[in-house]
């Protein structure tokens, strides 16, 4: 399994708008194609949002993202974002990670396919 960590440096006064946009427009499309959200958090000072996703492997991630990119709802959401909501964040950073501990020994053991 691989984990994708996304970090956004957010325009603080738009954090609730960004969270609502994510829940309404982005999350449903990601889940439609098999993305699994482990969690999404904001810092106490509302300067950052961190999202953690899990995928079977890099190929699975790439397949899902290729479908998300051309999904009509995703395209419409991005058009809406750029025309009505920008800017929501000033910077984004993405990292891919693998676990250094067997997942069966963690609280994420339920993610392991039997």
Protein backbone atom coordinates (compact mmCIF):
# COMPACT_ATOMS: atom_id res chain seq x y z
CA UNK A 1 0.00 0.00 0.00
CA UNK A 2 1.07 3.56 -0.56
CA UNK A 3 -0.06 6.69 1.21
CA UNK A 4 -0.38 10.11 -0.40
CA UNK A 5 0.07 13.11 1.86
CA UNK A 6 -1.24 16.43 0.53
CA UNK A 7 -0.50 19.63 2.39
CA UNK A 8 -2.14 22.94 1.49
CA UNK A 9 -1.11 26.34 2.78
CA UNK A 10 -4.56 27.89 3.04
CA UNK A 11 -5.93 31.42 2.85
CA UNK A 12 -7.10 31.37 6.49
CA UNK A 13 -10.32 33.30 5.96
CA UNK A 14 -11.31 30.82 3.21
CA UNK A 15 -10.67 27.60 5.09
CA UNK A 16 -14.35 26.82 5.70
CA UNK A 17 -15.09 27.53 2.04
CA UNK A 18 -12.27 25.18 1.04
CA UNK A 19 -13.53 22.46 3.41
CA UNK A 20 -17.07 22.75 2.06
CA UNK A 21 -15.84 22.67 -1.55
CA UNK A 22 -13.80 19.55 -0.79
CA UNK A 23 -16.70 17.72 0.87
CA UNK A 24 -19.28 18.64 -1.76
CA UNK A 25 -17.27 18.47 -4.98
CA UNK A 26 -13.91 16.73 -4.64
CA UNK A 27 -14.41 13.88 -2.17
CA UNK A 28 -17.38 12.28 -3.98
CA UNK A 29 -15.48 12.11 -7.27
CA UNK A 30 -12.37 10.67 -5.63
CA UNK A 31 -14.43 8.00 -3.82
CA UNK A 32 -16.33 7.17 -7.03
CA UNK A 33 -13.11 5.82 -8.51
CA UNK A 34 -11.77 4.08 -5.43
CA UNK A 35 -9.70 6.65 -3.54
CA UNK A 36 -9.68 6.01 0.20
CA UNK A 37 -9.38 9.01 2.47
CA UNK A 38 -7.65 8.11 5.74
CA UNK A 39 -8.22 11.59 7.14
CA UNK A 40 -8.16 15.32 6.46
CA UNK A 41 -7.13 17.81 9.13
CA UNK A 42 -6.61 21.52 9.58
CA UNK A 43 -4.07 23.11 11.88
CA UNK A 44 -5.36 25.06 14.87
CA UNK A 45 -4.23 28.34 13.34
CA UNK A 46 -6.14 27.44 10.14
CA UNK A 47 -3.05 27.97 8.01
CA UNK A 48 -2.80 24.43 6.66
CA UNK A 49 -4.91 21.49 5.61
CA UNK A 50 -3.37 18.04 5.50
CA UNK A 51 -5.02 15.12 3.73
CA UNK A 52 -3.91 11.50 3.85
CA UNK A 53 -5.08 9.03 1.20
CA UNK A 54 -4.29 5.33 0.77
CA UNK A 55 -3.99 3.32 -2.46
CA UNK A 56 -3.08 -0.26 -3.27
CA UNK A 57 0.01 0.86 -5.19
CA UNK A 58 1.24 3.65 -7.47
CA UNK A 59 -0.48 2.15 -10.52
CA UNK A 60 -3.80 2.18 -8.65
CA UNK A 61 -3.25 5.83 -7.73
CA UNK A 62 -2.40 6.75 -11.33
CA UNK A 63 -5.44 4.86 -12.70
CA UNK A 64 -7.78 6.58 -10.24
CA UNK A 65 -6.34 10.04 -10.93
CA UNK A 66 -6.60 9.57 -14.69
CA UNK A 67 -10.34 8.88 -14.27
CA UNK A 68 -10.84 11.76 -11.81
CA UNK A 69 -9.15 14.18 -14.21
CA UNK A 70 -11.69 13.57 -17.00
CA UNK A 71 -14.78 13.09 -14.82
CA UNK A 72 -17.44 15.69 -15.79
CA UNK A 73 -18.17 16.50 -12.12
CA UNK A 74 -14.47 17.04 -11.46
CA UNK A 75 -14.09 19.30 -14.49
CA UNK A 76 -17.15 21.31 -13.45
CA UNK A 77 -15.84 21.60 -9.88
CA UNK A 78 -12.50 22.96 -11.05
CA UNK A 79 -14.18 25.46 -13.37
CA UNK A 80 -16.32 26.62 -10.46
CA UNK A 81 -13.29 26.83 -8.17
CA UNK A 82 -11.24 28.92 -10.58
CA UNK A 83 -14.11 31.23 -11.48
CA UNK A 84 -15.74 31.70 -8.05
CA UNK A 85 -13.47 30.63 -5.19
CA UNK A 86 -9.87 31.42 -6.05
CA UNK A 87 -7.57 31.69 -4.31
CA UNK A 88 -8.24 29.01 -1.68
CA UNK A 89 -4.60 28.17 -1.02
CA UNK A 90 -1.21 29.60 -1.85
CA UNK A 91 0.87 26.45 -1.91
CA UNK A 92 0.45 22.69 -2.11
CA UNK A 93 2.88 19.88 -1.43
CA UNK A 94 2.48 16.18 -2.14
CA UNK A 95 4.47 13.19 -0.86
CA UNK A 96 4.07 9.45 -1.32
CA UNK A 97 4.95 7.16 1.55
CA UNK A 98 5.07 3.50 2.49
CA UNK A 99 4.64 2.18 5.99
CA UNK A 100 7.71 1.15 7.96
CA UNK A 101 5.50 -1.05 10.14
CA UNK A 102 3.40 -3.97 8.93
CA UNK A 103 -0.11 -2.48 8.66
CA UNK A 104 -1.55 -5.52 10.46
CA UNK A 105 0.14 -4.17 13.60
CA UNK A 106 -1.45 -0.71 13.29
CA UNK A 107 -4.84 0.89 13.72
CA UNK A 108 -5.10 0.85 9.90
CA UNK A 109 -5.12 -2.96 9.72
CA UNK A 110 -8.69 -2.85 8.42
CA UNK A 111 -7.31 -1.43 5.15
CA UNK A 112 -5.56 -4.70 4.34
CA UNK A 113 -7.46 -6.66 1.70
CA UNK A 114 -8.03 -10.23 2.83
